[in-house]
Amino acid sequence: MSEIQGKIIKELSKKIESLEIELKQQKKENLQINKFLYETYTREENVLYHFKKIKEKYEALKHSKLGKLTIKYWELKNRR
């Protein structure tokens, strides 16, 4: 092997090592982003589930006889 080929091989091996390190860092960043997105998704899903339950209860109240009176009372009370 000539001296020039040895230098080229050393430079390429250094470049490969730096690219491997960069790849590992990007994988860690992607993992952190995916974890953040998953946590955000689960929180949003939880909020939507609770909203749905509250809305179902409100609709049931709204369509009952006593519920209609209660809603009318709230409307009158909030006008003041």
C-alpha atoms as a PDB file:
ATOM      1  CA  MET A   1       0.000   0.000   0.000  1.00  0.00           C
ATOM      2  CA  SER A   2       1.305   3.407  -0.811  1.00  0.00           C
ATOM      3  CA  GLU A   3       1.492   6.297   1.590  1.00  0.00           C
ATOM      4  CA  ILE A   4      -1.320   8.158  -0.198  1.00  0.00           C
ATOM      5  CA  GLN A   5      -3.670   5.193   0.066  1.00  0.00           C
ATOM      6  CA  GLY A   6      -2.899   4.916   3.784  1.00  0.00           C
ATOM      7  CA  LYS A   7      -3.809   8.572   4.314  1.00  0.00           C
ATOM      8  CA  ILE A   8      -7.016   8.180   2.338  1.00  0.00           C
ATOM      9  CA  ILE A   9      -7.977   5.102   4.350  1.00  0.00           C
ATOM     10  CA  LYS A  10      -7.316   6.949   7.658  1.00  0.00           C
ATOM     11  CA  GLU A  11      -9.384   9.931   6.521  1.00  0.00           C
ATOM     12  CA  LEU A  12     -12.230   7.690   5.417  1.00  0.00           C
ATOM     13  CA  SER A  13     -12.171   5.728   8.673  1.00  0.00           C
ATOM     14  CA  LYS A  14     -12.303   9.010  10.643  1.00  0.00           C
ATOM     15  CA  LYS A  15     -15.216  10.168   8.500  1.00  0.00           C
ATOM     16  CA  ILE A  16     -17.012   6.851   9.077  1.00  0.00           C
ATOM     17  CA  GLU A  17     -16.503   7.151  12.846  1.00  0.00           C
ATOM     18  CA  SER A  18     -17.846  10.709  12.888  1.00  0.00           C
ATOM     19  CA  LEU A  19     -20.859   9.656  10.806  1.00  0.00           C
ATOM     20  CA  GLU A  20     -21.538   6.735  13.160  1.00  0.00           C
ATOM     21  CA  ILE A  21     -21.460   9.096  16.144  1.00  0.00           C
ATOM     22  CA  GLU A  22     -23.808  11.493  14.354  1.00  0.00           C
ATOM     23  CA  LEU A  23     -26.136   8.611  13.503  1.00  0.00           C
ATOM     24  CA  LYS A  24     -26.265   7.521  17.157  1.00  0.00           C
ATOM     25  CA  GLN A  25     -27.105  11.083  18.223  1.00  0.00           C
ATOM     26  CA  GLN A  26     -29.870  11.320  15.643  1.00  0.00           C
ATOM     27  CA  LYS A  27     -31.300   7.996  16.812  1.00  0.00           C
ATOM     28  CA  LYS A  28     -31.358   9.289  20.408  1.00  0.00           C
ATOM     29  CA  GLU A  29     -33.075  12.498  19.291  1.00  0.00           C
ATOM     30  CA  ASN A  30     -35.648  10.520  17.296  1.00  0.00           C
ATOM     31  CA  LEU A  31     -36.310   8.303  20.294  1.00  0.00           C
ATOM     32  CA  GLN A  32     -36.847  11.341  22.529  1.00  0.00           C
ATOM     33  CA  ILE A  33     -39.154  12.945  19.960  1.00  0.00           C
ATOM     34  CA  ASN A  34     -41.153   9.736  19.585  1.00  0.00           C
ATOM     35  CA  LYS A  35     -41.451   9.428  23.363  1.00  0.00           C
ATOM     36  CA  PHE A  36     -42.659  13.037  23.617  1.00  0.00           C
ATOM     37  CA  LEU A  37     -45.187  12.504  20.820  1.00  0.00           C
ATOM     38  CA  TYR A  38     -46.478   9.310  22.431  1.00  0.00           C
ATOM     39  CA  GLU A  39     -46.916  11.021  25.810  1.00  0.00           C
ATOM     40  CA  THR A  40     -48.675  13.965  24.171  1.00  0.00           C
ATOM     41  CA  TYR A  41     -50.933  11.613  22.230  1.00  0.00           C
ATOM     42  CA  THR A  42     -51.900   9.661  25.338  1.00  0.00           C
ATOM     43  CA  ARG A  43     -52.676  12.892  27.238  1.00  0.00           C
ATOM     44  CA  GLU A  44     -54.833  14.159  24.381  1.00  0.00           C
ATOM     45  CA  GLU A  45     -56.585  10.820  24.125  1.00  0.00           C
ATOM     46  CA  ASN A  46     -57.277  10.904  27.867  1.00  0.00           C
ATOM     47  CA  VAL A  47     -58.678  14.443  27.658  1.00  0.00           C
ATOM     48  CA  LEU A  48     -60.914  13.483  24.736  1.00  0.00           C
ATOM     49  CA  TYR A  49     -62.169  10.426  26.611  1.00  0.00           C
ATOM     50  CA  HIS A  50     -63.100  12.513  29.662  1.00  0.00           C
ATOM     51  CA  PHE A  51     -64.705  15.165  27.466  1.00  0.00           C
ATOM     52  CA  LYS A  52     -66.796  12.478  25.767  1.00  0.00           C
ATOM     53  CA  LYS A  53     -67.971  11.127  29.132  1.00  0.00           C
ATOM     54  CA  ILE A  54     -68.884  14.599  30.379  1.00  0.00           C
ATOM     55  CA  LYS A  55     -70.699  15.369  27.141  1.00  0.00           C
ATOM     56  CA  GLU A  56     -72.688  12.111  27.420  1.00  0.00           C
ATOM     57  CA  LYS A  57     -73.703  13.014  30.964  1.00  0.00           C
ATOM     58  CA  TYR A  58     -74.687  16.524  29.874  1.00  0.00           C
ATOM     59  CA  GLU A  59     -76.768  15.176  26.980  1.00  0.00           C
ATOM     60  CA  ALA A  60     -78.510  12.724  29.305  1.00  0.00           C
ATOM     61  CA  LEU A  61     -79.236  15.542  31.745  1.00  0.00           C
ATOM     62  CA  LYS A  62     -80.398  17.844  28.958  1.00  0.00           C
ATOM     63  CA  HIS A  63     -82.969  15.344  27.698  1.00  0.00           C
ATOM     64  CA  SER A  64     -84.453  14.413  31.074  1.00  0.00           C
ATOM     65  CA  LYS A  65     -87.419  16.270  32.526  1.00  0.00           C
ATOM     66  CA  LEU A  66     -85.612  17.506  35.598  1.00  0.00           C
ATOM     67  CA  GLY A  67     -82.538  18.242  33.518  1.00  0.00           C
ATOM     68  CA  LYS A  68     -84.461  20.572  31.240  1.00  0.00           C
ATOM     69  CA  LEU A  69     -85.638  22.522  34.273  1.00  0.00           C
ATOM     70  CA  THR A  70     -82.104  22.636  35.652  1.00  0.00           C
ATOM     71  CA  ILE A  71     -80.690  23.962  32.374  1.00  0.00           C
ATOM     72  CA  LYS A  72     -83.404  26.637  32.180  1.00  0.00           C
ATOM     73  CA  TYR A  73     -82.526  27.619  35.768  1.00  0.00           C
ATOM     74  CA  TRP A  74     -78.822  27.890  34.894  1.00  0.00           C
ATOM     75  CA  GLU A  75     -79.656  30.026  31.864  1.00  0.00           C
ATOM     76  CA  LEU A  76     -81.764  32.377  33.973  1.00  0.00           C
ATOM     77  CA  LYS A  77     -79.139  32.517  36.693  1.00  0.00           C
ATOM     78  CA  ASN A  78     -76.334  33.310  34.223  1.00  0.00           C
ATOM     79  CA  ARG A  79     -78.243  36.213  32.681  1.00  0.00           C
ATOM     80  CA  ARG A  80     -77.751  38.242  35.837  1.00  0.00           C
END
